[in-house]
Amino acid sequence: MSHNVKITLKWNEPAINLMNKKAVNGLFRMGYDIANQARRNAPYKTGALRNSIRVQENSVNSLDVIAGGIFGGKAIRYAAIQEFGGKAGRNHSVTIQGKHYMERAKDFIMTGDYLKKYFGDII
C-alpha cells in the first residue's frame, strides 16, 4: 500500500494554443493602437514622421512599435530627436525639446484596465 497522494496535471494543448493565439492577437491590437496614437501625437510638418510609425513583429510572441528609420525609400532620421529632444542642426546649434510622442502614446493606451481591453478573454 502506497503512502503517497498524487494529483497529475496535464496541459490541454488545444486550450493553450487558443490562449496563445488570443494573447498574440491582443498584443497586436495594443501595438496598432499605440502606433495610431503615436501618429496623432507626432509633430507634423511633412507627414513623413507620422507615416514612418509602424508595427513590426520581431518574433512569434513579440513586436515593436517603430518610428523613423528607412520608410518609403527615404531615411527618417529625426524620429529620435523629436521623441527625446537634444541638439540638432548645423554644428548642433539648435536645441529641440522632446515631444515624447511615442512614450505618451504608450502611456495613453496602457492606462485604466488595458489588460482587460486587450487580454480580457484570457485573464
N, C-alpha and C. Protein backbone atom coordinates (compact mmCIF):
# COMPACT_ATOMS: atom_id res chain seq x y z
N MET A 1 0.84 -1.18 0.00
CA MET A 1 0.00 0.00 0.00
C MET A 1 0.89 1.25 0.00
N SER A 2 0.57 2.19 -0.89
CA SER A 2 1.35 3.41 -1.01
C SER A 2 0.88 4.45 0.02
N HIS A 3 1.82 5.25 0.48
CA HIS A 3 1.50 6.31 1.43
C HIS A 3 1.49 7.68 0.76
N ASN A 4 1.58 7.70 -0.55
CA ASN A 4 1.61 8.95 -1.30
C ASN A 4 0.24 9.27 -1.86
N VAL A 5 -0.01 10.55 -2.00
CA VAL A 5 -1.20 11.05 -2.68
C VAL A 5 -0.69 11.89 -3.83
N LYS A 6 -1.22 11.66 -5.00
CA LYS A 6 -0.70 12.36 -6.17
C LYS A 6 -1.84 12.94 -6.99
N ILE A 7 -1.63 14.17 -7.47
CA ILE A 7 -2.53 14.80 -8.43
C ILE A 7 -1.70 15.08 -9.67
N THR A 8 -2.13 14.58 -10.79
CA THR A 8 -1.42 14.78 -12.04
C THR A 8 -2.12 15.88 -12.84
N LEU A 9 -1.35 16.87 -13.24
CA LEU A 9 -1.86 17.97 -14.05
C LEU A 9 -1.28 17.85 -15.45
N LYS A 10 -2.11 18.06 -16.42
CA LYS A 10 -1.66 17.93 -17.80
C LYS A 10 -2.20 19.12 -18.60
N TRP A 11 -1.33 19.68 -19.45
CA TRP A 11 -1.74 20.78 -20.31
C TRP A 11 -2.79 20.30 -21.29
N ASN A 12 -3.78 21.13 -21.51
CA ASN A 12 -4.77 20.90 -22.55
C ASN A 12 -4.25 21.66 -23.77
N GLU A 13 -3.56 20.97 -24.66
CA GLU A 13 -2.87 21.62 -25.78
C GLU A 13 -3.78 22.51 -26.62
N PRO A 14 -4.99 22.06 -27.02
CA PRO A 14 -5.84 22.95 -27.81
C PRO A 14 -6.21 24.23 -27.05
N ALA A 15 -6.47 24.12 -25.76
CA ALA A 15 -6.81 25.30 -24.97
C ALA A 15 -5.61 26.24 -24.85
N ILE A 16 -4.42 25.69 -24.64
CA ILE A 16 -3.21 26.51 -24.55
C ILE A 16 -2.94 27.21 -25.87
N ASN A 17 -3.09 26.50 -26.97
CA ASN A 17 -2.88 27.11 -28.29
C ASN A 17 -3.87 28.24 -28.54
N LEU A 18 -5.12 28.06 -28.13
CA LEU A 18 -6.12 29.11 -28.30
C LEU A 18 -5.79 30.31 -27.43
N MET A 19 -5.37 30.08 -26.19
CA MET A 19 -4.99 31.19 -25.32
C MET A 19 -3.79 31.95 -25.89
N ASN A 20 -2.83 31.23 -26.42
CA ASN A 20 -1.66 31.87 -27.02
C ASN A 20 -2.07 32.72 -28.23
N LYS A 21 -2.95 32.18 -29.06
CA LYS A 21 -3.42 32.94 -30.23
C LYS A 21 -4.15 34.21 -29.79
N LYS A 22 -4.97 34.11 -28.76
CA LYS A 22 -5.69 35.28 -28.25
C LYS A 22 -4.72 36.30 -27.65
N ALA A 23 -3.68 35.82 -26.96
CA ALA A 23 -2.69 36.73 -26.38
C ALA A 23 -1.94 37.48 -27.46
N VAL A 24 -1.51 36.77 -28.51
CA VAL A 24 -0.79 37.41 -29.62
C VAL A 24 -1.70 38.42 -30.32
N ASN A 25 -2.97 38.06 -30.53
CA ASN A 25 -3.92 39.00 -31.15
C ASN A 25 -4.09 40.25 -30.29
N GLY A 26 -4.18 40.06 -28.98
CA GLY A 26 -4.30 41.22 -28.07
C GLY A 26 -3.06 42.09 -28.12
N LEU A 27 -1.90 41.46 -28.19
CA LEU A 27 -0.64 42.21 -28.28
C LEU A 27 -0.60 43.04 -29.56
N PHE A 28 -1.03 42.46 -30.67
CA PHE A 28 -1.04 43.21 -31.93
C PHE A 28 -2.07 44.34 -31.90
N ARG A 29 -3.25 44.09 -31.34
CA ARG A 29 -4.25 45.17 -31.23
C ARG A 29 -3.68 46.32 -30.41
N MET A 30 -3.02 45.99 -29.30
CA MET A 30 -2.42 47.02 -28.46
C MET A 30 -1.32 47.75 -29.22
N GLY A 31 -0.47 47.03 -29.94
CA GLY A 31 0.59 47.66 -30.72
C GLY A 31 0.05 48.61 -31.77
N TYR A 32 -0.99 48.19 -32.49
CA TYR A 32 -1.57 49.07 -33.51
C TYR A 32 -2.25 50.28 -32.89
N ASP A 33 -2.87 50.11 -31.72
CA ASP A 33 -3.46 51.27 -31.04
C ASP A 33 -2.38 52.24 -30.58
N ILE A 34 -1.26 51.74 -30.08
CA ILE A 34 -0.15 52.61 -29.69
C ILE A 34 0.39 53.34 -30.92
N ALA A 35 0.57 52.62 -32.03
CA ALA A 35 1.07 53.25 -33.26
C ALA A 35 0.12 54.33 -33.74
N ASN A 36 -1.17 54.07 -33.72
CA ASN A 36 -2.14 55.08 -34.16
C ASN A 36 -2.13 56.30 -33.26
N GLN A 37 -2.02 56.08 -31.95
CA GLN A 37 -1.96 57.22 -31.02
C GLN A 37 -0.66 57.98 -31.22
N ALA A 38 0.45 57.28 -31.45
CA ALA A 38 1.73 57.95 -31.70
C ALA A 38 1.66 58.82 -32.95
N ARG A 39 0.96 58.34 -33.98
CA ARG A 39 0.78 59.16 -35.20
C ARG A 39 0.02 60.44 -34.87
N ARG A 40 -0.99 60.34 -34.01
CA ARG A 40 -1.73 61.55 -33.63
C ARG A 40 -0.85 62.50 -32.81
N ASN A 41 0.05 61.94 -31.99
CA ASN A 41 0.91 62.75 -31.13
C ASN A 41 2.11 63.35 -31.85
N ALA A 42 2.56 62.71 -32.92
CA ALA A 42 3.82 63.10 -33.56
C ALA A 42 3.74 64.51 -34.14
N PRO A 43 4.83 65.27 -34.05
CA PRO A 43 4.85 66.59 -34.69
C PRO A 43 4.66 66.44 -36.19
N TYR A 44 4.03 67.43 -36.78
CA TYR A 44 3.69 67.33 -38.21
C TYR A 44 4.27 68.51 -38.98
N LYS A 45 5.03 68.18 -39.98
CA LYS A 45 5.49 69.20 -40.93
C LYS A 45 5.21 68.69 -42.34
N THR A 46 5.76 67.51 -42.66
CA THR A 46 5.53 66.93 -43.99
C THR A 46 4.69 65.66 -43.92
N GLY A 47 4.54 65.10 -42.73
CA GLY A 47 3.83 63.84 -42.57
C GLY A 47 4.74 62.63 -42.62
N ALA A 48 6.01 62.82 -42.96
CA ALA A 48 6.92 61.69 -43.09
C ALA A 48 7.14 60.97 -41.75
N LEU A 49 7.27 61.72 -40.67
CA LEU A 49 7.47 61.10 -39.37
C LEU A 49 6.24 60.28 -38.99
N ARG A 50 5.07 60.86 -39.12
CA ARG A 50 3.84 60.13 -38.81
C ARG A 50 3.71 58.88 -39.66
N ASN A 51 4.02 59.01 -40.93
CA ASN A 51 3.90 57.87 -41.84
C ASN A 51 4.93 56.79 -41.56
N SER A 52 6.02 57.14 -40.88
CA SER A 52 7.06 56.14 -40.60
C SER A 52 6.72 55.26 -39.39
N ILE A 53 5.71 55.61 -38.64
CA ILE A 53 5.36 54.85 -37.44
C ILE A 53 4.66 53.57 -37.86
N ARG A 54 5.21 52.44 -37.40
CA ARG A 54 4.68 51.16 -37.83
C ARG A 54 4.86 50.11 -36.73
N VAL A 55 4.13 49.03 -36.89
CA VAL A 55 4.24 47.88 -36.00
C VAL A 55 5.00 46.80 -36.75
N GLN A 56 5.99 46.24 -36.09
CA GLN A 56 6.83 45.22 -36.73
C GLN A 56 6.98 44.03 -35.79
N GLU A 57 6.59 42.86 -36.27
CA GLU A 57 6.78 41.64 -35.49
C GLU A 57 8.25 41.28 -35.52
N ASN A 58 8.83 41.00 -34.34
CA ASN A 58 10.25 40.64 -34.32
C ASN A 58 10.48 39.21 -33.85
N SER A 59 9.45 38.54 -33.40
CA SER A 59 9.48 37.11 -33.12
C SER A 59 8.04 36.65 -33.02
N VAL A 60 7.83 35.39 -32.76
CA VAL A 60 6.47 34.85 -32.73
C VAL A 60 5.60 35.56 -31.70
N ASN A 61 6.14 35.89 -30.55
CA ASN A 61 5.34 36.48 -29.48
C ASN A 61 5.82 37.88 -29.08
N SER A 62 6.42 38.61 -30.02
CA SER A 62 6.98 39.91 -29.69
C SER A 62 6.86 40.85 -30.88
N LEU A 63 6.60 42.13 -30.58
CA LEU A 63 6.54 43.12 -31.65
C LEU A 63 7.10 44.43 -31.16
N ASP A 64 7.44 45.30 -32.10
CA ASP A 64 7.94 46.63 -31.80
C ASP A 64 7.04 47.65 -32.49
N VAL A 65 6.85 48.79 -31.84
CA VAL A 65 6.26 49.95 -32.49
C VAL A 65 7.44 50.87 -32.77
N ILE A 66 7.65 51.18 -34.05
CA ILE A 66 8.85 51.86 -34.51
C ILE A 66 8.49 53.17 -35.20
N ALA A 67 9.29 54.19 -34.95
CA ALA A 67 9.19 55.44 -35.70
C ALA A 67 10.55 55.72 -36.30
N GLY A 68 10.57 56.18 -37.54
CA GLY A 68 11.82 56.54 -38.18
C GLY A 68 12.43 55.40 -38.96
N GLY A 69 13.74 55.51 -39.18
CA GLY A 69 14.43 54.52 -39.98
C GLY A 69 14.18 54.78 -41.46
N ILE A 70 14.33 53.75 -42.26
CA ILE A 70 14.06 53.85 -43.69
C ILE A 70 12.59 53.53 -43.89
N PHE A 71 11.87 54.46 -44.47
CA PHE A 71 10.46 54.26 -44.71
C PHE A 71 10.09 54.88 -46.04
N GLY A 72 9.45 54.11 -46.88
CA GLY A 72 9.06 54.61 -48.20
C GLY A 72 10.25 55.02 -49.05
N GLY A 73 11.38 54.36 -48.83
CA GLY A 73 12.58 54.66 -49.60
C GLY A 73 13.34 55.88 -49.11
N LYS A 74 12.86 56.52 -48.05
CA LYS A 74 13.53 57.70 -47.51
C LYS A 74 13.95 57.45 -46.07
N ALA A 75 15.07 58.02 -45.69
CA ALA A 75 15.54 57.92 -44.32
C ALA A 75 14.85 58.98 -43.47
N ILE A 76 14.16 58.54 -42.44
CA ILE A 76 13.53 59.45 -41.49
C ILE A 76 14.46 59.46 -40.27
N ARG A 77 15.41 60.40 -40.27
CA ARG A 77 16.49 60.39 -39.28
C ARG A 77 16.16 61.18 -38.01
N TYR A 78 15.07 61.88 -38.00
CA TYR A 78 14.80 62.79 -36.89
C TYR A 78 13.76 62.25 -35.91
N ALA A 79 13.40 60.97 -36.02
CA ALA A 79 12.39 60.39 -35.12
C ALA A 79 12.86 60.45 -33.67
N ALA A 80 14.11 60.08 -33.43
CA ALA A 80 14.62 60.03 -32.05
C ALA A 80 14.77 61.43 -31.46
N ILE A 81 15.27 62.38 -32.23
CA ILE A 81 15.46 63.74 -31.69
C ILE A 81 14.11 64.37 -31.37
N GLN A 82 13.08 64.05 -32.16
CA GLN A 82 11.75 64.56 -31.87
C GLN A 82 11.15 63.88 -30.63
N GLU A 83 11.48 62.62 -30.43
CA GLU A 83 10.98 61.89 -29.25
C GLU A 83 11.68 62.36 -27.98
N PHE A 84 13.01 62.36 -27.99
CA PHE A 84 13.78 62.59 -26.77
C PHE A 84 14.30 64.01 -26.60
N GLY A 85 14.41 64.76 -27.71
CA GLY A 85 14.99 66.09 -27.65
C GLY A 85 16.50 66.02 -27.72
N GLY A 86 17.12 67.20 -27.82
CA GLY A 86 18.58 67.27 -27.87
C GLY A 86 19.03 68.33 -28.84
N LYS A 87 20.31 68.29 -29.15
CA LYS A 87 20.92 69.26 -30.06
C LYS A 87 20.80 68.76 -31.50
N ALA A 88 20.47 69.68 -32.41
CA ALA A 88 20.32 69.32 -33.82
C ALA A 88 20.78 70.50 -34.67
N GLY A 89 20.73 70.30 -35.96
CA GLY A 89 21.07 71.36 -36.89
C GLY A 89 22.56 71.48 -37.10
N ARG A 90 22.92 72.48 -37.91
CA ARG A 90 24.32 72.73 -38.21
C ARG A 90 25.08 73.06 -36.93
N ASN A 91 26.17 72.34 -36.71
CA ASN A 91 27.01 72.50 -35.51
C ASN A 91 26.21 72.29 -34.21
N HIS A 92 25.14 71.53 -34.32
CA HIS A 92 24.29 71.25 -33.15
C HIS A 92 23.89 72.54 -32.43
N SER A 93 23.52 73.54 -33.22
CA SER A 93 23.24 74.87 -32.67
C SER A 93 21.79 75.05 -32.24
N VAL A 94 20.94 74.06 -32.51
CA VAL A 94 19.53 74.18 -32.16
C VAL A 94 19.20 73.13 -31.09
N THR A 95 18.50 73.57 -30.06
CA THR A 95 18.03 72.64 -29.04
C THR A 95 16.57 72.34 -29.28
N ILE A 96 16.26 71.07 -29.43
CA ILE A 96 14.89 70.63 -29.67
C ILE A 96 14.36 70.00 -28.39
N GLN A 97 13.20 70.46 -27.97
CA GLN A 97 12.54 69.85 -26.83
C GLN A 97 11.93 68.53 -27.26
N GLY A 98 12.07 67.51 -26.44
CA GLY A 98 11.49 66.21 -26.74
C GLY A 98 9.96 66.28 -26.74
N LYS A 99 9.35 65.69 -27.74
CA LYS A 99 7.88 65.67 -27.83
C LYS A 99 7.30 64.43 -27.16
N HIS A 100 8.11 63.41 -27.00
CA HIS A 100 7.71 62.16 -26.33
C HIS A 100 6.41 61.60 -26.91
N TYR A 101 6.27 61.68 -28.23
CA TYR A 101 5.05 61.24 -28.90
C TYR A 101 4.85 59.73 -28.78
N MET A 102 5.93 58.96 -28.77
CA MET A 102 5.81 57.50 -28.62
C MET A 102 5.50 57.13 -27.16
N GLU A 103 6.24 57.71 -26.25
CA GLU A 103 6.04 57.42 -24.83
C GLU A 103 4.63 57.82 -24.39
N ARG A 104 4.17 58.99 -24.82
CA ARG A 104 2.82 59.44 -24.47
C ARG A 104 1.76 58.51 -25.06
N ALA A 105 2.02 57.98 -26.26
CA ALA A 105 1.08 57.04 -26.88
C ALA A 105 0.99 55.76 -26.06
N LYS A 106 2.13 55.22 -25.66
CA LYS A 106 2.14 54.01 -24.83
C LYS A 106 1.42 54.26 -23.52
N ASP A 107 1.71 55.38 -22.88
CA ASP A 107 1.07 55.70 -21.61
C ASP A 107 -0.44 55.87 -21.76
N PHE A 108 -0.87 56.48 -22.86
CA PHE A 108 -2.30 56.69 -23.12
C PHE A 108 -3.02 55.36 -23.30
N ILE A 109 -2.44 54.47 -24.08
CA ILE A 109 -3.08 53.18 -24.36
C ILE A 109 -3.03 52.27 -23.13
N MET A 110 -1.93 52.32 -22.40
CA MET A 110 -1.75 51.41 -21.27
C MET A 110 -2.20 52.06 -19.97
N THR A 111 -3.41 52.62 -19.96
CA THR A 111 -4.00 53.20 -18.76
C THR A 111 -5.29 52.46 -18.45
N GLY A 112 -5.79 52.71 -17.28
CA GLY A 112 -7.05 52.08 -16.88
C GLY A 112 -6.91 50.57 -16.90
N ASP A 113 -7.94 49.92 -17.33
CA ASP A 113 -7.96 48.47 -17.35
C ASP A 113 -7.58 47.95 -18.73
N TYR A 114 -6.40 48.37 -19.20
CA TYR A 114 -5.98 48.00 -20.55
C TYR A 114 -5.77 46.49 -20.69
N LEU A 115 -5.38 45.81 -19.60
CA LEU A 115 -5.21 44.36 -19.69
C LEU A 115 -6.53 43.68 -20.04
N LYS A 116 -7.60 44.16 -19.44
CA LYS A 116 -8.92 43.59 -19.75
C LYS A 116 -9.30 43.90 -21.20
N LYS A 117 -8.99 45.12 -21.65
CA LYS A 117 -9.33 45.51 -23.02
C LYS A 117 -8.66 44.61 -24.05
N TYR A 118 -7.37 44.33 -23.87
CA TYR A 118 -6.62 43.58 -24.88
C TYR A 118 -6.52 42.09 -24.59
N PHE A 119 -6.61 41.71 -23.32
CA PHE A 119 -6.39 40.32 -22.95
C PHE A 119 -7.51 39.76 -22.07
N GLY A 120 -8.64 40.45 -22.05
CA GLY A 120 -9.72 40.10 -21.13
C GLY A 120 -10.28 38.71 -21.29
N ASP A 121 -10.23 38.18 -22.49
CA ASP A 121 -10.82 36.84 -22.66
C ASP A 121 -9.85 35.72 -22.29
N ILE A 122 -8.65 36.08 -21.81
CA ILE A 122 -7.73 35.02 -21.38
C ILE A 122 -7.23 35.22 -19.94
N ILE A 123 -7.56 36.35 -19.32
CA ILE A 123 -7.12 36.55 -17.94
C ILE A 123 -8.30 36.48 -16.99
